Every structure is written in C-alpha cells, then in structure tokens.
Protein backbone atom coordinates (compact mmCIF):
# COMPACT_ATOMS: atom_id res chain seq x y z
CA MET A 1 -0.06 0.02 -0.12
CA LEU A 2 2.87 2.51 0.87
CA GLU A 3 4.36 2.13 -2.71
CA GLU A 4 0.86 2.75 -4.30
CA MET A 5 0.89 5.81 -2.11
CA ARG A 6 3.80 6.91 -3.11
CA ARG A 7 3.16 6.97 -6.45
CA LEU A 8 0.01 8.79 -5.93
CA ILE A 9 1.37 11.17 -4.14
CA ALA A 10 4.76 12.10 -6.42
CA THR A 11 2.20 12.18 -9.30
CA HIS A 12 -0.72 14.22 -8.00
CA ALA A 13 1.42 16.57 -5.54
CA ARG A 14 1.23 20.20 -6.61
CA PRO A 15 3.37 23.40 -4.86
CA ASP A 16 0.43 24.67 -3.00
CA LEU A 17 -0.36 21.17 -1.34
CA ARG A 18 -4.31 21.15 -2.38
CA THR A 19 -5.87 18.84 -4.45
CA PRO A 20 -9.25 18.87 -6.79
CA ILE A 21 -10.60 16.34 -3.46
CA ASP A 22 -12.10 18.97 -0.90
CA GLY A 23 -10.21 19.01 2.19
CA LEU A 24 -7.39 16.67 0.60
CA LEU A 25 -3.30 18.11 1.00
CA LEU A 26 -0.52 16.21 -1.03
CA SER A 27 3.54 17.28 -0.31
CA ARG A 28 6.56 16.36 -1.71
CA VAL A 29 9.46 18.41 -0.11
CA ASP A 30 13.01 17.46 -1.50
CA ALA A 31 14.80 20.26 1.18
CA SER A 32 14.46 20.24 4.95
CA PRO A 33 15.40 23.50 6.47
CA PRO A 34 14.01 24.35 9.66
CA GLU A 35 10.72 25.88 9.40
CA HIS A 36 8.59 27.73 11.74
CA SER A 37 4.67 27.52 11.17
CA LEU A 38 1.11 27.23 12.53
CA THR A 39 -0.49 23.95 12.08
CA GLU A 40 -4.27 23.40 11.55
CA PRO A 41 -6.48 20.70 12.97
CA LEU A 42 -5.11 17.57 10.29
CA LEU A 43 -4.56 14.36 9.55
CA VAL A 44 -1.20 13.47 7.71
CA ILE A 45 -0.03 10.03 6.53
CA MET A 46 3.55 9.74 5.61
CA ALA A 47 4.62 7.40 2.57
CA GLN A 48 8.10 8.40 2.53
CA GLY A 49 10.76 9.97 4.67
CA GLY A 50 9.84 11.72 8.10
CA LYS A 51 9.36 14.54 9.86
CA ARG A 52 10.28 16.02 13.44
CA LEU A 53 8.16 18.92 15.05
CA VAL A 54 8.51 20.74 18.38
CA LEU A 55 5.73 22.06 20.20
CA GLY A 56 6.69 23.71 23.20
CA SER A 57 8.86 20.99 24.81
CA GLU A 58 7.30 18.43 23.42
CA VAL A 59 9.00 16.56 20.25
CA PHE A 60 6.84 14.71 17.82
CA GLU A 61 8.30 12.27 14.88
CA TYR A 62 6.75 10.45 12.35
CA ARG A 63 7.71 8.45 9.23
CA ALA A 64 6.63 6.27 6.39
CA GLY A 65 3.41 4.23 7.74
CA GLN A 66 2.81 6.89 10.82
CA VAL A 67 0.24 9.47 10.99
CA LEU A 68 0.89 12.76 12.81
CA VAL A 69 -2.87 13.98 14.14
CA VAL A 70 -3.46 17.66 14.98
CA THR A 71 -6.41 18.89 16.59
CA ALA A 72 -5.91 22.72 17.22
CA THR A 73 -4.21 25.59 15.75
CA LEU A 74 -0.57 25.32 17.24
CA PRO A 75 2.74 27.22 16.57
CA VAL A 76 5.11 24.41 15.96
CA SER A 77 9.25 24.14 14.40
CA GLY A 78 10.51 21.37 12.54
CA HIS A 79 12.09 19.94 9.66
CA PHE A 80 11.64 16.86 7.19
CA LEU A 81 14.23 13.97 7.73
CA ARG A 82 17.09 13.48 5.04
CA ALA A 83 15.03 14.85 2.22
CA THR A 84 16.41 14.86 -0.68
CA PRO A 85 15.45 15.78 -4.39
CA GLY A 86 16.16 11.75 -4.93
CA ARG A 87 14.25 10.62 -2.45
CA PRO A 88 11.70 13.46 -1.36
CA ALA A 89 9.37 13.41 1.69
CA LEU A 90 6.12 12.32 0.81
CA GLY A 91 2.94 12.70 2.71
CA MET A 92 -0.67 13.27 2.37
CA GLY A 93 -2.66 15.53 4.94
CA LEU A 94 -6.39 15.80 5.37
CA VAL A 95 -8.41 18.44 7.28
CA LEU A 96 -10.28 17.39 10.45
CA ARG A 97 -13.30 19.02 10.08
CA PRO A 98 -16.06 19.35 13.50
CA GLU A 99 -19.04 19.21 11.07
CA ALA A 100 -18.12 15.57 9.75
CA ILE A 101 -16.69 14.34 12.89
CA ALA A 102 -19.52 15.24 15.34
CA PRO A 103 -22.24 12.81 14.02
CA LEU A 104 -20.00 10.06 14.07
CA LEU A 105 -19.23 10.26 17.67
CA LEU A 106 -22.56 9.04 18.55
CA ARG A 107 -21.62 5.35 17.43
CA ALA A 108 -18.36 5.20 18.41
CA LEU A 109 -17.82 4.12 22.01
CA HIS A 110 -15.62 5.49 24.17
CA LYS A 111 -14.62 6.60 28.11
CA SER A 112 -14.15 10.24 29.06
CA GLY A 113 -11.03 10.86 30.85
CA ALA A 114 -8.29 13.80 31.16
CA THR A 115 -8.12 16.19 28.14
CA PRO A 116 -5.58 14.77 25.78
CA PRO A 117 -2.66 16.71 23.70
CA ALA A 118 -3.71 18.34 20.80
CA MET A 119 -0.78 16.38 18.75
CA ALA A 120 -0.10 12.76 18.64
CA THR A 121 1.76 10.80 16.41
CA GLY A 122 1.68 6.32 15.89
CA PRO A 123 1.17 3.86 13.47
CA ALA A 124 -1.35 4.52 10.73
CA GLY A 125 -2.69 0.57 10.92
CA PRO A 126 -3.63 -1.33 7.58
CA GLU A 127 -7.38 -0.29 7.22
CA LEU A 128 -6.32 3.03 7.26
CA LEU A 129 -3.69 2.85 5.01
CA ASP A 130 -6.24 1.16 2.90
CA ALA A 131 -8.77 3.90 3.09
CA ALA A 132 -6.00 6.60 2.56
CA VAL A 133 -4.86 4.55 -0.96
CA ARG A 134 -8.69 4.69 -2.31
CA LEU A 135 -8.99 8.22 -1.66
CA LEU A 136 -5.73 9.29 -3.10
CA ARG A 137 -6.64 7.02 -6.55
CA LEU A 138 -10.07 8.90 -6.93
CA LEU A 139 -7.52 11.59 -8.12
CA GLU A 140 -6.97 9.47 -11.32
CA HIS A 141 -10.85 9.22 -11.35
CA PRO A 142 -12.27 12.89 -11.15
CA ALA A 143 -15.74 11.56 -12.44
CA ASP A 144 -16.00 9.24 -9.39
CA ALA A 145 -14.69 11.97 -6.99
CA PRO A 146 -17.42 14.01 -5.68
CA VAL A 147 -19.54 11.09 -5.00
CA LEU A 148 -16.94 8.57 -3.40
CA ALA A 149 -14.62 11.01 -1.60
CA PRO A 150 -17.28 11.95 1.59
CA LEU A 151 -17.73 8.37 2.12
CA ILE A 152 -14.42 7.35 1.95
CA GLU A 153 -13.52 10.21 4.30
CA GLN A 154 -16.08 9.12 6.44
CA GLU A 155 -14.32 5.73 6.68
CA ILE A 156 -11.13 7.38 7.23
CA LEU A 157 -12.39 9.55 10.43
CA TRP A 158 -14.34 6.54 11.58
CA ARG A 159 -10.88 4.58 11.82
CA LEU A 160 -9.43 7.50 13.68
CA LEU A 161 -11.93 7.47 16.13
CA THR A 162 -12.52 3.90 16.93
CA GLY A 163 -8.23 3.64 16.92
CA PRO A 164 -5.29 4.69 19.22
CA HIS A 165 -5.98 8.23 18.36
CA GLY A 166 -9.38 8.08 18.92
CA ALA A 167 -9.38 10.45 22.61
CA VAL A 168 -7.40 13.04 20.43
CA VAL A 169 -9.87 13.37 17.20
CA ARG A 170 -12.69 13.23 19.23
CA GLU A 171 -12.23 16.27 21.31
CA ILE A 172 -12.69 18.10 17.56
CA GLY A 173 -16.08 17.33 17.64
CA ARG A 174 -17.42 16.92 20.84
CA ALA A 175 -18.93 20.15 22.12
CA GLY A 176 -17.93 20.90 25.45
CA SER A 177 -14.76 19.59 25.34
CA GLY A 178 -11.52 20.56 26.70
CA LEU A 179 -9.90 21.57 23.39
CA ASP A 180 -13.68 23.59 22.19
CA HIS A 181 -13.36 26.11 25.79
CA VAL A 182 -9.41 26.28 25.42
CA GLY A 183 -10.08 26.90 21.63
CA ARG A 184 -11.95 29.69 22.35
CA ALA A 185 -8.67 31.45 23.98
CA ILE A 186 -6.55 30.07 21.23
CA ARG A 187 -8.36 31.66 18.58
CA TRP A 188 -8.38 35.03 20.76
CA LEU A 189 -4.77 34.56 21.28
CA HIS A 190 -4.23 34.31 17.32
CA GLU A 191 -6.27 37.16 16.40
CA HIS A 192 -5.20 39.48 19.03
CA TYR A 193 -1.77 38.28 19.68
CA ALA A 194 -0.08 41.99 19.57
CA GLU A 195 -2.28 42.78 22.65
CA PRO A 196 -1.71 42.54 26.48
CA MET A 197 -3.02 39.27 27.76
CA ARG A 198 -4.20 37.97 31.35
CA VAL A 199 -4.96 34.42 31.92
CA ALA A 200 -7.99 35.54 34.37
CA ASP A 201 -9.47 37.04 30.95
CA LEU A 202 -8.61 34.24 28.71
CA ALA A 203 -10.21 31.54 31.22
CA ARG A 204 -13.07 33.65 31.63
CA LEU A 205 -14.04 32.91 28.21
CA ALA A 206 -13.25 29.61 27.78
CA GLY A 207 -15.56 29.09 30.82
CA MET A 208 -13.10 27.93 33.18
CA SER A 209 -11.31 28.80 36.72
CA PRO A 210 -8.11 30.10 36.38
CA SER A 211 -6.25 27.26 37.60
CA ALA A 212 -8.34 24.71 35.53
CA PHE A 213 -7.72 26.62 32.42
CA HIS A 214 -3.93 27.07 32.73
CA ARG A 215 -4.39 22.93 33.42
CA HIS A 216 -6.00 22.41 30.17
CA PHE A 217 -4.22 24.82 27.89
CA ARG A 218 -1.16 23.05 28.66
CA ALA A 219 -2.41 19.82 28.24
CA ILE A 220 -3.28 20.84 25.16
CA THR A 221 -0.48 23.18 23.39
CA ALA A 222 2.34 21.56 25.95
CA MET A 223 2.93 25.23 26.50
CA SER A 224 1.57 27.91 29.06
CA PRO A 225 -0.89 30.74 27.87
CA LEU A 226 2.08 33.52 27.66
CA GLN A 227 4.76 30.98 25.81
CA PHE A 228 1.75 30.38 23.32
CA GLN A 229 1.41 34.32 22.75
CA LYS A 230 5.12 34.94 23.05
CA ARG A 231 5.42 32.12 19.91
CA ILE A 232 2.65 33.60 17.68
CA ARG A 233 4.20 36.96 18.04
CA LEU A 234 7.70 36.18 16.93
CA GLN A 235 6.48 33.66 14.10
CA GLU A 236 4.22 36.59 12.93
CA ALA A 237 7.44 39.35 13.16
CA ARG A 238 9.52 36.65 11.08
CA SER A 239 6.76 37.09 8.48
CA LEU A 240 6.47 40.52 8.53
CA LEU A 241 10.28 41.12 8.59
CA THR A 242 10.61 39.41 5.22
CA ALA A 243 8.84 42.47 3.64
CA ARG A 244 9.95 45.05 6.29
CA ALA A 245 13.99 43.89 7.02
CA GLY A 246 15.09 47.54 7.93
CA ASP A 247 12.79 48.17 10.29
CA VAL A 248 13.06 45.74 13.28
CA ALA A 249 12.16 48.24 15.73
CA GLY A 250 8.76 48.86 14.18
CA VAL A 251 8.19 45.09 13.42
CA GLY A 252 8.72 44.16 16.80
CA HIS A 253 5.91 47.38 18.05
CA LEU A 254 3.74 45.64 15.55
CA VAL A 255 3.59 42.18 17.37
CA GLY A 256 3.47 43.92 20.67
CA TYR A 257 6.93 44.19 22.10
CA ASP A 258 7.73 47.85 23.80
CA SER A 259 11.38 46.90 24.16
CA PRO A 260 13.26 46.52 21.00
CA SER A 261 16.12 45.02 23.23
CA GLN A 262 13.69 42.23 24.46
CA PHE A 263 12.25 41.56 20.98
CA ASN A 264 15.81 41.13 19.65
CA ARG A 265 16.67 38.76 22.37
CA GLU A 266 13.58 36.56 22.04
CA TYR A 267 13.76 36.59 18.60
CA ARG A 268 17.31 35.49 18.44
CA ARG A 269 16.66 33.02 21.00
CA LEU A 270 13.81 31.38 19.17
CA PHE A 271 15.18 31.45 15.38
CA GLY A 272 19.10 31.61 16.12
CA THR A 273 19.83 34.48 14.85
CA PRO A 274 19.04 38.62 15.13
CA PRO A 275 15.97 39.38 12.96
CA GLY A 276 17.92 42.00 11.00
CA GLN A 277 20.25 39.24 10.08
CA ASP A 278 17.55 36.55 9.99
CA ALA A 279 15.09 38.79 7.80
CA GLU A 280 18.17 39.46 5.23
CA ARG A 281 18.87 35.82 4.96
CA LEU A 282 15.28 34.94 4.49
CA ARG A 283 14.81 37.71 1.60
CA THR A 284 18.19 36.03 -0.32
CA THR A 285 16.99 32.56 0.15
CA ALA A 286 13.09 32.36 0.18
CA PRO A 287 12.47 32.23 -3.64
CA SER A 288 14.96 28.99 -4.05
CA LEU A 289 12.60 27.47 -0.59
CA PRO A 290 9.59 25.12 -1.70
C-alpha cells in the first residue's frame, strides 16, 4: 500500500499542496530547512521519509507508515528528515472538520478521561492506509470523486475515532470538550496576539477557573498561555520582516513588544540569529525554498 501511495502522491502533488478533492492535501518536499509554522486540525500520513516537530517542550517524530494527528491551531517548529531530490518526503493530509466528526461520535464508544494533547503520532494501521490509498486513487478518477470522496473521508475519520488516537480526534467534534473551551482562548490569541493578555480574562473566555484553564491549556498545547502568545508574536514578526527587513524595531512594536532589546533577545533565542540578519537571509533564500 505504501508503494502505491508514494506513486500517487508523487504524481499529483503540487506546490500549493491542494488537490481537486476538498480537504485532501499532498506534500512532496526535497529539502529540509528548519521551519516555523502554524498547524491546523489535520491528519497527516507519511508515505516516504519523515518529519520531526517541536511543540513547546514536546518532540513529535513520524515516518513512513505513521500518522500525525493535530486537533488545534498551534505554533510549531520542525524539519523533514533527510529529504533529497532523489528521495523526497511524501505525505498526504486530510483536514479534520468538526462537522464531519460530530455525527460519528454517537456511534463510537468511548470513555471520558483527561483532556488529551492536541498533537499525537503513531502507526497508521492497515485499515487506515487502505482507505487513504482509495481516496488518493480518486485523483485519477475525477468523475467518481464527488460521490465517493465523502464516503471514504467518513471511513478514515471512523478509523481514527475507533483507533488509538480516538480520544484526540474526538475532542474536535465534541461540544463542551476541553479542546472546545480552550479553543476559544487559542482563537483569541491568534487574532489579538499583539494585545496585552491576562490569564484570568482568557480563563473567563474559556468558561473555566484560572487554575483549570492553565492546566487544560498546557495539556493541549504543551505551553503556557504566555509562551503560546510569545511564539505567535515571533512567528508573525518573522513573516513581517521578510518585507520590512530594515524596520526591526517597528516590526517588534507591531507584534506587541515595547522593548526593542527584549524583542531582539527573544527572537534570537527562537530563530538562532538576530531579527535583522534573519530577515536578510530570508529575503535572499525565500525564492529558492519550497
């Protein structure tokens, strides 16, 4: 199955990752520079190569025949493992949508427990791989895709819900879950990252006590709310600096830093070089990066 998956991904992958099937993404990467990005709720199945991601203090690694499950928008860093033009990293992704998962929860038996983290890895399993390959085959039968793709997507979600990552995926579709509550705070932090933040206000938004909110937030994101906001600010600053390389202090202020020295210090700690040098490097290398 993995061999056929590799062929289909290599044939149909495009630079923008998208495919004619809604929610299906394909990735072909032949270089592995470190990257800092925001995840979205997503199932990733690796067909060739591997990837290592860092979320807060946690490290997640997955290789061919394994999956990555992400259930929230999270700031992560990572790189592909030994991807080369002769042997690129090949993977497929499926967007995890609450409206597709919620109807299946009534049929999937489960036990309540502690709030699980928003990211997990592990073996794909033969049933999940089989369904994923059948979804990929529809790229070569576009007339069948509108009818069959939603059915296969439902099967893939069912395999996830009834498999070892069921507790993680279940949080996406379950109203009132820990992820549902903390997700309100995560969305606020994404939309207002440059504004001052008080944990008590975020806890009120999530409908939790400050102590419960802090516990659930760290369980889901592997970071404190302050660390999460800082990571969002710095990643946004890096994006802005590619267009405004000469205005380091201005960019720092835009993303919420009143102190230029603090901005420089925290930027260097995360990305390895001062913001001005990093921006110049990004401006000269960005056109050649995938």
